[in-house]
PDB file of N, CA and C in Angstrom:
ATOM      1  N   UNK A   1      32.380  -4.522   9.685  1.00  0.00           N
ATOM      2  CA  UNK A   1      31.024  -4.578  10.173  1.00  0.00           C
ATOM      3  C   UNK A   1      30.637  -6.049  10.322  1.00  0.00           C
ATOM      4  N   UNK A   2      30.129  -6.390  11.484  1.00  0.00           N
ATOM      5  CA  UNK A   2      29.717  -7.762  11.760  1.00  0.00           C
ATOM      6  C   UNK A   2      28.224  -7.921  11.483  1.00  0.00           C
ATOM      7  N   UNK A   3      27.896  -8.917  10.675  1.00  0.00           N
ATOM      8  CA  UNK A   3      26.501  -9.265  10.417  1.00  0.00           C
ATOM      9  C   UNK A   3      26.272 -10.647  11.013  1.00  0.00           C
ATOM     10  N   UNK A   4      25.293 -10.736  11.886  1.00  0.00           N
ATOM     11  CA  UNK A   4      24.979 -11.987  12.568  1.00  0.00           C
ATOM     12  C   UNK A   4      24.039 -12.805  11.692  1.00  0.00           C
ATOM     13  N   UNK A   5      24.444 -14.026  11.403  1.00  0.00           N
ATOM     14  CA  UNK A   5      23.625 -14.913  10.578  1.00  0.00           C
ATOM     15  C   UNK A   5      22.523 -15.527  11.432  1.00  0.00           C
ATOM     16  N   UNK A   6      21.299 -15.519  10.929  1.00  0.00           N
ATOM     17  CA  UNK A   6      20.164 -16.066  11.669  1.00  0.00           C
ATOM     18  C   UNK A   6      19.813 -17.483  11.228  1.00  0.00           C
ATOM     19  N   UNK A   7      20.170 -17.817   9.998  1.00  0.00           N
ATOM     20  CA  UNK A   7      19.851 -19.143   9.446  1.00  0.00           C
ATOM     21  C   UNK A   7      18.356 -19.470   9.548  1.00  0.00           C
ATOM     22  N   UNK A   8      17.522 -18.480   9.277  1.00  0.00           N
ATOM     23  CA  UNK A   8      16.079 -18.684   9.298  1.00  0.00           C
ATOM     24  C   UNK A   8      15.676 -19.640   8.178  1.00  0.00           C
ATOM     25  N   UNK A   9      14.634 -20.389   8.400  1.00  0.00           N
ATOM     26  CA  UNK A   9      14.101 -21.308   7.393  1.00  0.00           C
ATOM     27  C   UNK A   9      12.888 -20.658   6.738  1.00  0.00           C
ATOM     28  N   UNK A  10      12.936 -20.572   5.405  1.00  0.00           N
ATOM     29  CA  UNK A  10      11.873 -19.938   4.632  1.00  0.00           C
ATOM     30  C   UNK A  10      11.098 -20.983   3.838  1.00  0.00           C
ATOM     31  N   UNK A  11       9.829 -20.663   3.549  1.00  0.00           N
ATOM     32  CA  UNK A  11       9.010 -21.564   2.738  1.00  0.00           C
ATOM     33  C   UNK A  11       9.538 -21.613   1.310  1.00  0.00           C
ATOM     34  N   UNK A  12       9.618 -20.471   0.657  1.00  0.00           N
ATOM     35  CA  UNK A  12      10.172 -20.380  -0.694  1.00  0.00           C
ATOM     36  C   UNK A  12      10.501 -18.911  -0.954  1.00  0.00           C
ATOM     37  N   UNK A  13      11.541 -18.688  -1.725  1.00  0.00           N
ATOM     38  CA  UNK A  13      11.976 -17.321  -2.016  1.00  0.00           C
ATOM     39  C   UNK A  13      12.297 -17.184  -3.490  1.00  0.00           C
ATOM     40  N   UNK A  14      12.023 -16.007  -4.047  1.00  0.00           N
ATOM     41  CA  UNK A  14      12.370 -15.701  -5.427  1.00  0.00           C
ATOM     42  C   UNK A  14      13.683 -14.939  -5.470  1.00  0.00           C
ATOM     43  N   UNK A  15      14.345 -15.024  -6.593  1.00  0.00           N
ATOM     44  CA  UNK A  15      15.617 -14.326  -6.781  1.00  0.00           C
ATOM     45  C   UNK A  15      15.387 -12.821  -6.940  1.00  0.00           C
ATOM     46  N   UNK A  16      16.326 -12.043  -6.429  1.00  0.00           N
ATOM     47  CA  UNK A  16      16.345 -10.590  -6.612  1.00  0.00           C
ATOM     48  C   UNK A  16      17.525 -10.289  -7.513  1.00  0.00           C
ATOM     49  N   UNK A  17      17.265  -9.679  -8.646  1.00  0.00           N
ATOM     50  CA  UNK A  17      18.331  -9.471  -9.622  1.00  0.00           C
ATOM     51  C   UNK A  17      19.253  -8.317  -9.273  1.00  0.00           C
ATOM     52  N   UNK A  18      18.744  -7.108  -9.317  1.00  0.00           N
ATOM     53  CA  UNK A  18      19.614  -5.952  -9.102  1.00  0.00           C
ATOM     54  C   UNK A  18      18.834  -4.879  -8.351  1.00  0.00           C
ATOM     55  N   UNK A  19      18.955  -4.862  -7.023  1.00  0.00           N
ATOM     56  CA  UNK A  19      18.202  -3.846  -6.276  1.00  0.00           C
ATOM     57  C   UNK A  19      18.706  -2.436  -6.584  1.00  0.00           C
ATOM     58  N   UNK A  20      17.778  -1.496  -6.622  1.00  0.00           N
ATOM     59  CA  UNK A  20      18.146  -0.108  -6.916  1.00  0.00           C
ATOM     60  C   UNK A  20      17.791   0.837  -5.771  1.00  0.00           C
ATOM     61  N   UNK A  21      17.248   0.291  -4.685  1.00  0.00           N
ATOM     62  CA  UNK A  21      16.902   1.147  -3.544  1.00  0.00           C
ATOM     63  C   UNK A  21      16.909   0.325  -2.264  1.00  0.00           C
ATOM     64  N   UNK A  22      16.938   1.042  -1.164  1.00  0.00           N
ATOM     65  CA  UNK A  22      16.844   0.448   0.165  1.00  0.00           C
ATOM     66  C   UNK A  22      15.609   1.047   0.827  1.00  0.00           C
ATOM     67  N   UNK A  23      14.784   0.183   1.403  1.00  0.00           N
ATOM     68  CA  UNK A  23      13.588   0.624   2.107  1.00  0.00           C
ATOM     69  C   UNK A  23      13.805   0.334   3.596  1.00  0.00           C
ATOM     70  N   UNK A  24      13.654   1.380   4.407  1.00  0.00           N
ATOM     71  CA  UNK A  24      13.906   1.258   5.843  1.00  0.00           C
ATOM     72  C   UNK A  24      12.573   1.277   6.588  1.00  0.00           C
ATOM     73  N   UNK A  25      12.421   0.326   7.488  1.00  0.00           N
ATOM     74  CA  UNK A  25      11.193   0.151   8.259  1.00  0.00           C
ATOM     75  C   UNK A  25      11.523   0.165   9.749  1.00  0.00           C
ATOM     76  N   UNK A  26      10.494   0.278  10.563  1.00  0.00           N
ATOM     77  CA  UNK A  26      10.643  -0.018  11.988  1.00  0.00           C
ATOM     78  C   UNK A  26       9.644  -1.115  12.312  1.00  0.00           C
ATOM     79  N   UNK A  27       9.947  -1.886  13.340  1.00  0.00           N
ATOM     80  CA  UNK A  27       9.132  -3.059  13.646  1.00  0.00           C
ATOM     81  C   UNK A  27       7.788  -2.711  14.265  1.00  0.00           C
ATOM     82  N   UNK A  28       7.625  -1.470  14.718  1.00  0.00           N
ATOM     83  CA  UNK A  28       6.413  -1.046  15.424  1.00  0.00           C
ATOM     84  C   UNK A  28       6.199  -1.882  16.686  1.00  0.00           C
ATOM     85  N   UNK A  29       7.304  -2.347  17.241  1.00  0.00           N
ATOM     86  CA  UNK A  29       7.293  -3.110  18.491  1.00  0.00           C
ATOM     87  C   UNK A  29       8.610  -2.810  19.193  1.00  0.00           C
ATOM     88  N   UNK A  30       8.549  -2.455  20.442  1.00  0.00           N
ATOM     89  CA  UNK A  30       9.719  -1.962  21.156  1.00  0.00           C
ATOM     90  C   UNK A  30      10.824  -2.983  21.377  1.00  0.00           C
ATOM     91  N   UNK A  31      10.467  -4.253  21.541  1.00  0.00           N
ATOM     92  CA  UNK A  31      11.501  -5.209  21.937  1.00  0.00           C
ATOM     93  C   UNK A  31      11.485  -6.520  21.163  1.00  0.00           C
ATOM     94  N   UNK A  32      10.864  -6.571  20.006  1.00  0.00           N
ATOM     95  CA  UNK A  32      10.801  -7.818  19.245  1.00  0.00           C
ATOM     96  C   UNK A  32      12.185  -8.218  18.737  1.00  0.00           C
ATOM     97  N   UNK A  33      12.303  -9.489  18.397  1.00  0.00           N
ATOM     98  CA  UNK A  33      13.534 -10.029  17.842  1.00  0.00           C
ATOM     99  C   UNK A  33      13.309 -10.423  16.384  1.00  0.00           C
ATOM    100  N   UNK A  34      14.380 -10.792  15.698  1.00  0.00           N
ATOM    101  CA  UNK A  34      14.269 -11.300  14.329  1.00  0.00           C
ATOM    102  C   UNK A  34      13.334 -12.508  14.310  1.00  0.00           C
ATOM    103  N   UNK A  35      13.499 -13.397  15.275  1.00  0.00           N
ATOM    104  CA  UNK A  35      12.674 -14.615  15.298  1.00  0.00           C
ATOM    105  C   UNK A  35      11.209 -14.287  15.559  1.00  0.00           C
ATOM    106  N   UNK A  36      10.930 -13.268  16.381  1.00  0.00           N
ATOM    107  CA  UNK A  36       9.543 -12.842  16.580  1.00  0.00           C
ATOM    108  C   UNK A  36       8.927 -12.407  15.253  1.00  0.00           C
ATOM    109  N   UNK A  37       9.635 -11.538  14.538  1.00  0.00           N
ATOM    110  CA  UNK A  37       9.119 -11.032  13.259  1.00  0.00           C
ATOM    111  C   UNK A  37       8.974 -12.184  12.257  1.00  0.00           C
ATOM    112  N   UNK A  38       9.943 -13.079  12.227  1.00  0.00           N
ATOM    113  CA  UNK A  38       9.871 -14.245  11.340  1.00  0.00           C
ATOM    114  C   UNK A  38       8.596 -15.053  11.627  1.00  0.00           C
ATOM    115  N   UNK A  39       8.340 -15.302  12.901  1.00  0.00           N
ATOM    116  CA  UNK A  39       7.143 -16.069  13.277  1.00  0.00           C
ATOM    117  C   UNK A  39       5.859 -15.310  12.939  1.00  0.00           C
ATOM    118  N   UNK A  40       5.841 -13.993  13.132  1.00  0.00           N
ATOM    119  CA  UNK A  40       4.665 -13.195  12.757  1.00  0.00           C
ATOM    120  C   UNK A  40       4.389 -13.318  11.266  1.00  0.00           C
ATOM    121  N   UNK A  41       5.458 -13.199  10.472  1.00  0.00           N
ATOM    122  CA  UNK A  41       5.299 -13.260   9.022  1.00  0.00           C
ATOM    123  C   UNK A  41       4.852 -14.659   8.577  1.00  0.00           C
ATOM    124  N   UNK A  42       5.430 -15.698   9.183  1.00  0.00           N
ATOM    125  CA  UNK A  42       4.992 -17.068   8.871  1.00  0.00           C
ATOM    126  C   UNK A  42       3.524 -17.271   9.240  1.00  0.00           C
ATOM    127  N   UNK A  43       3.105 -16.726  10.372  1.00  0.00           N
ATOM    128  CA  UNK A  43       1.708 -16.897  10.802  1.00  0.00           C
ATOM    129  C   UNK A  43       0.730 -16.174   9.883  1.00  0.00           C
ATOM    130  N   UNK A  44       1.226 -15.201   9.117  1.00  0.00           N
ATOM    131  CA  UNK A  44       0.399 -14.522   8.110  1.00  0.00           C
ATOM    132  C   UNK A  44       0.323 -15.318   6.808  1.00  0.00           C
ATOM    133  N   UNK A  45       1.018 -16.447   6.757  1.00  0.00           N
ATOM    134  CA  UNK A  45       1.028 -17.266   5.549  1.00  0.00           C
ATOM    135  C   UNK A  45       2.114 -16.874   4.569  1.00  0.00           C
ATOM    136  N   UNK A  46       3.026 -15.994   4.989  1.00  0.00           N
ATOM    137  CA  UNK A  46       4.113 -15.554   4.120  1.00  0.00           C
ATOM    138  C   UNK A  46       5.282 -16.526   4.208  1.00  0.00           C
ATOM    139  N   UNK A  47       6.293 -16.311   3.399  1.00  0.00           N
ATOM    140  CA  UNK A  47       7.458 -17.199   3.356  1.00  0.00           C
ATOM    141  C   UNK A  47       8.345 -17.085   4.589  1.00  0.00           C
ATOM    142  N   UNK A  48       8.200 -16.019   5.341  1.00  0.00           N
ATOM    143  CA  UNK A  48       9.015 -15.800   6.540  1.00  0.00           C
ATOM    144  C   UNK A  48       9.460 -14.356   6.610  1.00  0.00           C
ATOM    145  N   UNK A  49      10.449 -14.078   7.439  1.00  0.00           N
ATOM    146  CA  UNK A  49      10.980 -12.738   7.680  1.00  0.00           C
ATOM    147  C   UNK A  49      11.122 -11.985   6.362  1.00  0.00           C
ATOM    148  N   UNK A  50      10.410 -10.876   6.222  1.00  0.00           N
ATOM    149  CA  UNK A  50      10.308 -10.203   4.935  1.00  0.00           C
ATOM    150  C   UNK A  50      11.438  -9.257   4.592  1.00  0.00           C
ATOM    151  N   UNK A  51      12.318  -8.993   5.556  1.00  0.00           N
ATOM    152  CA  UNK A  51      13.390  -8.020   5.370  1.00  0.00           C
ATOM    153  C   UNK A  51      14.720  -8.729   5.122  1.00  0.00           C
ATOM    154  N   UNK A  52      15.662  -8.004   4.608  1.00  0.00           N
ATOM    155  CA  UNK A  52      16.996  -8.555   4.408  1.00  0.00           C
ATOM    156  C   UNK A  52      17.849  -8.416   5.666  1.00  0.00           C
ATOM    157  N   UNK A  53      17.586  -7.365   6.440  1.00  0.00           N
ATOM    158  CA  UNK A  53      18.361  -7.123   7.662  1.00  0.00           C
ATOM    159  C   UNK A  53      17.461  -6.616   8.776  1.00  0.00           C
ATOM    160  N   UNK A  54      17.924  -6.828  10.004  1.00  0.00           N
ATOM    161  CA  UNK A  54      17.250  -6.351  11.213  1.00  0.00           C
ATOM    162  C   UNK A  54      18.325  -5.753  12.105  1.00  0.00           C
ATOM    163  N   UNK A  55      18.114  -4.533  12.564  1.00  0.00           N
ATOM    164  CA  UNK A  55      19.096  -3.862  13.421  1.00  0.00           C
ATOM    165  C   UNK A  55      18.460  -3.610  14.780  1.00  0.00           C
ATOM    166  N   UNK A  56      19.099  -4.146  15.813  1.00  0.00           N
ATOM    167  CA  UNK A  56      18.599  -3.975  17.174  1.00  0.00           C
ATOM    168  C   UNK A  56      18.956  -2.590  17.698  1.00  0.00           C
ATOM    169  N   UNK A  57      18.332  -2.227  18.816  1.00  0.00           N
ATOM    170  CA  UNK A  57      18.563  -0.911  19.408  1.00  0.00           C
ATOM    171  C   UNK A  57      20.009  -0.706  19.825  1.00  0.00           C
ATOM    172  N   UNK A  58      20.713  -1.796  20.125  1.00  0.00           N
ATOM    173  CA  UNK A  58      22.122  -1.667  20.516  1.00  0.00           C
ATOM    174  C   UNK A  58      23.071  -1.777  19.322  1.00  0.00           C
ATOM    175  N   UNK A  59      22.516  -1.749  18.097  1.00  0.00           N
ATOM    176  CA  UNK A  59      23.327  -1.674  16.884  1.00  0.00           C
ATOM    177  C   UNK A  59      23.761  -2.999  16.292  1.00  0.00           C
ATOM    178  N   UNK A  60      23.282  -4.112  16.810  1.00  0.00           N
ATOM    179  CA  UNK A  60      23.628  -5.400  16.217  1.00  0.00           C
ATOM    180  C   UNK A  60      22.839  -5.587  14.922  1.00  0.00           C
ATOM    181  N   UNK A  61      23.508  -6.096  13.909  1.00  0.00           N
ATOM    182  CA  UNK A  61      22.894  -6.284  12.595  1.00  0.00           C
ATOM    183  C   UNK A  61      22.725  -7.779  12.342  1.00  0.00           C
ATOM    184  N   UNK A  62      21.486  -8.168  12.053  1.00  0.00           N
ATOM    185  CA  UNK A  62      21.160  -9.564  11.762  1.00  0.00           C
ATOM    186  C   UNK A  62      20.737  -9.688  10.312  1.00  0.00           C
ATOM    187  N   UNK A  63      21.170 -10.761   9.663  1.00  0.00           N
ATOM    188  CA  UNK A  63      20.720 -11.033   8.297  1.00  0.00           C
ATOM    189  C   UNK A  63      19.408 -11.814   8.375  1.00  0.00           C
ATOM    190  N   UNK A  64      18.425 -11.357   7.625  1.00  0.00           N
ATOM    191  CA  UNK A  64      17.171 -12.093   7.500  1.00  0.00           C
ATOM    192  C   UNK A  64      17.222 -12.896   6.215  1.00  0.00           C
ATOM    193  N   UNK A  65      16.763 -12.285   5.140  1.00  0.00           N
ATOM    194  CA  UNK A  65      16.869 -12.908   3.816  1.00  0.00           C
ATOM    195  C   UNK A  65      18.213 -12.575   3.195  1.00  0.00           C
ATOM    196  N   UNK A  66      18.678 -13.442   2.347  1.00  0.00           N
ATOM    197  CA  UNK A  66      19.889 -13.166   1.574  1.00  0.00           C
ATOM    198  C   UNK A  66      19.622 -11.988   0.642  1.00  0.00           C
ATOM    199  N   UNK A  67      20.641 -11.195   0.396  1.00  0.00           N
ATOM    200  CA  UNK A  67      20.489 -10.060  -0.527  1.00  0.00           C
ATOM    201  C   UNK A  67      20.203 -10.509  -1.951  1.00  0.00           C
ATOM    202  N   UNK A  68      20.406 -11.778  -2.248  1.00  0.00           N
ATOM    203  CA  UNK A  68      20.130 -12.279  -3.600  1.00  0.00           C
ATOM    204  C   UNK A  68      18.691 -12.765  -3.746  1.00  0.00           C
ATOM    205  N   UNK A  69      17.900 -12.640  -2.674  1.00  0.00           N
ATOM    206  CA  UNK A  69      16.499 -13.052  -2.749  1.00  0.00           C
ATOM    207  C   UNK A  69      15.579 -11.856  -2.559  1.00  0.00           C
ATOM    208  N   UNK A  70      14.410 -11.947  -3.152  1.00  0.00           N
ATOM    209  CA  UNK A  70      13.438 -10.867  -3.084  1.00  0.00           C
ATOM    210  C   UNK A  70      12.845 -10.776  -1.681  1.00  0.00           C
ATOM    211  N   UNK A  71      12.700  -9.556  -1.201  1.00  0.00           N
ATOM    212  CA  UNK A  71      12.076  -9.334   0.094  1.00  0.00           C
ATOM    213  C   UNK A  71      10.562  -9.343   0.000  1.00  0.00           C
ATOM    214  N   UNK A  72       9.942  -9.196   1.169  1.00  0.00           N
ATOM    215  CA  UNK A  72       8.483  -9.077   1.254  1.00  0.00           C
ATOM    216  C   UNK A  72       8.214  -7.987   2.285  1.00  0.00           C
ATOM    217  N   UNK A  73       8.550  -6.771   1.895  1.00  0.00           N
ATOM    218  CA  UNK A  73       8.512  -5.680   2.863  1.00  0.00           C
ATOM    219  C   UNK A  73       7.887  -4.399   2.325  1.00  0.00           C
ATOM    220  N   UNK A  74       7.747  -4.277   1.005  1.00  0.00           N
ATOM    221  CA  UNK A  74       7.224  -3.034   0.441  1.00  0.00           C
ATOM    222  C   UNK A  74       6.511  -3.336  -0.879  1.00  0.00           C
ATOM    223  N   UNK A  75       5.197  -3.407  -0.805  1.00  0.00           N
ATOM    224  CA  UNK A  75       4.391  -3.760  -1.974  1.00  0.00           C
ATOM    225  C   UNK A  75       4.794  -2.927  -3.192  1.00  0.00           C
ATOM    226  N   UNK A  76       4.916  -3.586  -4.300  1.00  0.00           N
ATOM    227  CA  UNK A  76       5.283  -3.009  -5.599  1.00  0.00           C
ATOM    228  C   UNK A  76       6.766  -2.648  -5.715  1.00  0.00           C
ATOM    229  N   UNK A  77       7.546  -2.798  -4.653  1.00  0.00           N
ATOM    230  CA  UNK A  77       8.974  -2.464  -4.699  1.00  0.00           C
ATOM    231  C   UNK A  77       9.869  -3.614  -4.236  1.00  0.00           C
ATOM    232  N   UNK A  78       9.289  -4.740  -3.891  1.00  0.00           N
ATOM    233  CA  UNK A  78      10.096  -5.866  -3.416  1.00  0.00           C
ATOM    234  C   UNK A  78      11.086  -6.362  -4.463  1.00  0.00           C
ATOM    235  N   UNK A  79      10.736  -6.238  -5.728  1.00  0.00           N
ATOM    236  CA  UNK A  79      11.607  -6.754  -6.791  1.00  0.00           C
ATOM    237  C   UNK A  79      12.742  -5.798  -7.152  1.00  0.00           C
ATOM    238  N   UNK A  80      12.791  -4.619  -6.523  1.00  0.00           N
ATOM    239  CA  UNK A  80      13.867  -3.664  -6.825  1.00  0.00           C
ATOM    240  C   UNK A  80      14.521  -3.098  -5.561  1.00  0.00           C
ATOM    241  N   UNK A  81      14.227  -3.701  -4.398  1.00  0.00           N
ATOM    242  CA  UNK A  81      14.744  -3.098  -3.166  1.00  0.00           C
ATOM    243  C   UNK A  81      15.232  -4.120  -2.153  1.00  0.00           C
ATOM    244  N   UNK A  82      16.098  -3.633  -1.285  1.00  0.00           N
ATOM    245  CA  UNK A  82      16.499  -4.359  -0.089  1.00  0.00           C
ATOM    246  C   UNK A  82      15.738  -3.749   1.079  1.00  0.00           C
ATOM    247  N   UNK A  83      15.311  -4.571   2.028  1.00  0.00           N
ATOM    248  CA  UNK A  83      14.555  -4.090   3.176  1.00  0.00           C
ATOM    249  C   UNK A  83      15.352  -4.216   4.461  1.00  0.00           C
ATOM    250  N   UNK A  84      15.346  -3.149   5.233  1.00  0.00           N
ATOM    251  CA  UNK A  84      16.002  -3.142   6.542  1.00  0.00           C
ATOM    252  C   UNK A  84      14.952  -2.761   7.573  1.00  0.00           C
ATOM    253  N   UNK A  85      14.879  -3.549   8.643  1.00  0.00           N
ATOM    254  CA  UNK A  85      13.923  -3.286   9.711  1.00  0.00           C
ATOM    255  C   UNK A  85      14.686  -2.921  10.986  1.00  0.00           C
ATOM    256  N   UNK A  86      14.276  -1.842  11.615  1.00  0.00           N
ATOM    257  CA  UNK A  86      14.859  -1.420  12.884  1.00  0.00           C
ATOM    258  C   UNK A  86      13.978  -1.904  14.030  1.00  0.00           C
ATOM    259  N   UNK A  87      14.592  -2.504  15.032  1.00  0.00           N
ATOM    260  CA  UNK A  87      13.868  -2.877  16.246  1.00  0.00           C
ATOM    261  C   UNK A  87      13.374  -1.602  16.912  1.00  0.00           C
ATOM    262  N   UNK A  88      12.126  -1.571  17.314  1.00  0.00           N
ATOM    263  CA  UNK A  88      11.583  -0.403  17.990  1.00  0.00           C
ATOM    264  C   UNK A  88      10.279   0.054  17.380  1.00  0.00           C
ATOM    265  N   UNK A  89       9.596   0.893  18.124  1.00  0.00           N
ATOM    266  CA  UNK A  89       8.362   1.511  17.648  1.00  0.00           C
ATOM    267  C   UNK A  89       8.600   3.011  17.605  1.00  0.00           C
ATOM    268  N   UNK A  90       8.988   3.502  16.442  1.00  0.00           N
ATOM    269  CA  UNK A  90       9.412   4.891  16.334  1.00  0.00           C
ATOM    270  C   UNK A  90       8.259   5.855  16.091  1.00  0.00           C
ATOM    271  N   UNK A  91       7.030   5.376  16.330  1.00  0.00           N
ATOM    272  CA  UNK A  91       5.895   6.276  16.484  1.00  0.00           C
ATOM    273  C   UNK A  91       5.811   6.730  17.937  1.00  0.00           C
ATOM    274  N   UNK A  92       6.464   5.963  18.844  1.00  0.00           N
ATOM    275  CA  UNK A  92       6.362   6.226  20.280  1.00  0.00           C
ATOM    276  C   UNK A  92       7.693   6.456  20.974  1.00  0.00           C
ATOM    277  N   UNK A  93       8.797   6.139  20.334  1.00  0.00           N
ATOM    278  CA  UNK A  93      10.118   6.285  20.933  1.00  0.00           C
ATOM    279  C   UNK A  93      11.083   6.815  19.884  1.00  0.00           C
ATOM    280  N   UNK A  94      12.267   7.208  20.332  1.00  0.00           N
ATOM    281  CA  UNK A  94      13.259   7.744  19.398  1.00  0.00           C
ATOM    282  C   UNK A  94      14.333   6.706  19.098  1.00  0.00           C
ATOM    283  N   UNK A  95      14.766   6.684  17.866  1.00  0.00           N
ATOM    284  CA  UNK A  95      15.832   5.779  17.460  1.00  0.00           C
ATOM    285  C   UNK A  95      17.131   6.224  18.126  1.00  0.00           C
ATOM    286  N   UNK A  96      17.940   5.251  18.543  1.00  0.00           N
ATOM    287  CA  UNK A  96      19.191   5.576  19.232  1.00  0.00           C
ATOM    288  C   UNK A  96      20.293   5.923  18.230  1.00  0.00           C
ATOM    289  N   UNK A  97      21.270   6.660  18.714  1.00  0.00           N
ATOM    290  CA  UNK A  97      22.428   7.005  17.881  1.00  0.00           C
ATOM    291  C   UNK A  97      23.141   5.742  17.416  1.00  0.00           C
ATOM    292  N   UNK A  98      23.276   4.771  18.310  1.00  0.00           N
ATOM    293  CA  UNK A  98      23.978   3.521  17.981  1.00  0.00           C
ATOM    294  C   UNK A  98      23.260   2.793  16.842  1.00  0.00           C
ATOM    295  N   UNK A  99      21.940   2.777  16.898  1.00  0.00           N
ATOM    296  CA  UNK A  99      21.167   2.094  15.857  1.00  0.00           C
ATOM    297  C   UNK A  99      21.273   2.831  14.521  1.00  0.00           C
ATOM    298  N   UNK A 100      21.204   4.137  14.561  1.00  0.00           N
ATOM    299  CA  UNK A 100      21.355   4.931  13.327  1.00  0.00           C
ATOM    300  C   UNK A 100      22.753   4.743  12.739  1.00  0.00           C
ATOM    301  N   UNK A 101      23.772   4.715  13.595  1.00  0.00           N
ATOM    302  CA  UNK A 101      25.144   4.524  13.112  1.00  0.00           C
ATOM    303  C   UNK A 101      25.277   3.170  12.416  1.00  0.00           C
ATOM    304  N   UNK A 102      24.683   2.119  12.996  1.00  0.00           N
ATOM    305  CA  UNK A 102      24.729   0.797  12.365  1.00  0.00           C
ATOM    306  C   UNK A 102      23.971   0.790  11.036  1.00  0.00           C
ATOM    307  N   UNK A 103      22.831   1.473  11.000  1.00  0.00           N
ATOM    308  CA  UNK A 103      22.048   1.573   9.766  1.00  0.00           C
ATOM    309  C   UNK A 103      22.858   2.274   8.671  1.00  0.00           C
ATOM    310  N   UNK A 104      23.487   3.363   8.995  1.00  0.00           N
ATOM    311  CA  UNK A 104      24.279   4.103   8.008  1.00  0.00           C
ATOM    312  C   UNK A 104      25.448   3.262   7.505  1.00  0.00           C
ATOM    313  N   UNK A 105      26.084   2.555   8.405  1.00  0.00           N
ATOM    314  CA  UNK A 105      27.214   1.697   8.004  1.00  0.00           C
ATOM    315  C   UNK A 105      26.729   0.585   7.085  1.00  0.00           C
ATOM    316  N   UNK A 106      25.599  -0.026   7.407  1.00  0.00           N
ATOM    317  CA  UNK A 106      25.048  -1.090   6.564  1.00  0.00           C
ATOM    318  C   UNK A 106      24.650  -0.549   5.192  1.00  0.00           C
ATOM    319  N   UNK A 107      23.996   0.597   5.163  1.00  0.00           N
ATOM    320  CA  UNK A 107      23.569   1.180   3.884  1.00  0.00           C
ATOM    321  C   UNK A 107      24.767   1.568   3.005  1.00  0.00           C
ATOM    322  N   UNK A 108      25.828   1.985   3.640  1.00  0.00           N
ATOM    323  CA  UNK A 108      27.022   2.382   2.897  1.00  0.00           C
ATOM    324  C   UNK A 108      27.617   1.173   2.189  1.00  0.00           C
TER     325      UNK A 108
END
């Protein structure tokens, strides 16, 4: 499985000791990129891209935060979880088979 490194620059990050769950999100935007989400999160005053991974509709997997750092994606669960964000707005569209296959492979 190929994971594309983004080399995003973060303000500051805390260590994540031992995650016990994975939280899966969708971007609620049909065509955003990792850098778009990173910039949105920075503009909110956060440290940057809040997820550990981002999966595009064509199944490409990008690393956001290192798995050894705490995410900023699920209030009260950031210290025990890894966050994965899927490109797309799945309130209005359906997730593709390719994207689900990449998600399952990453979670495995």
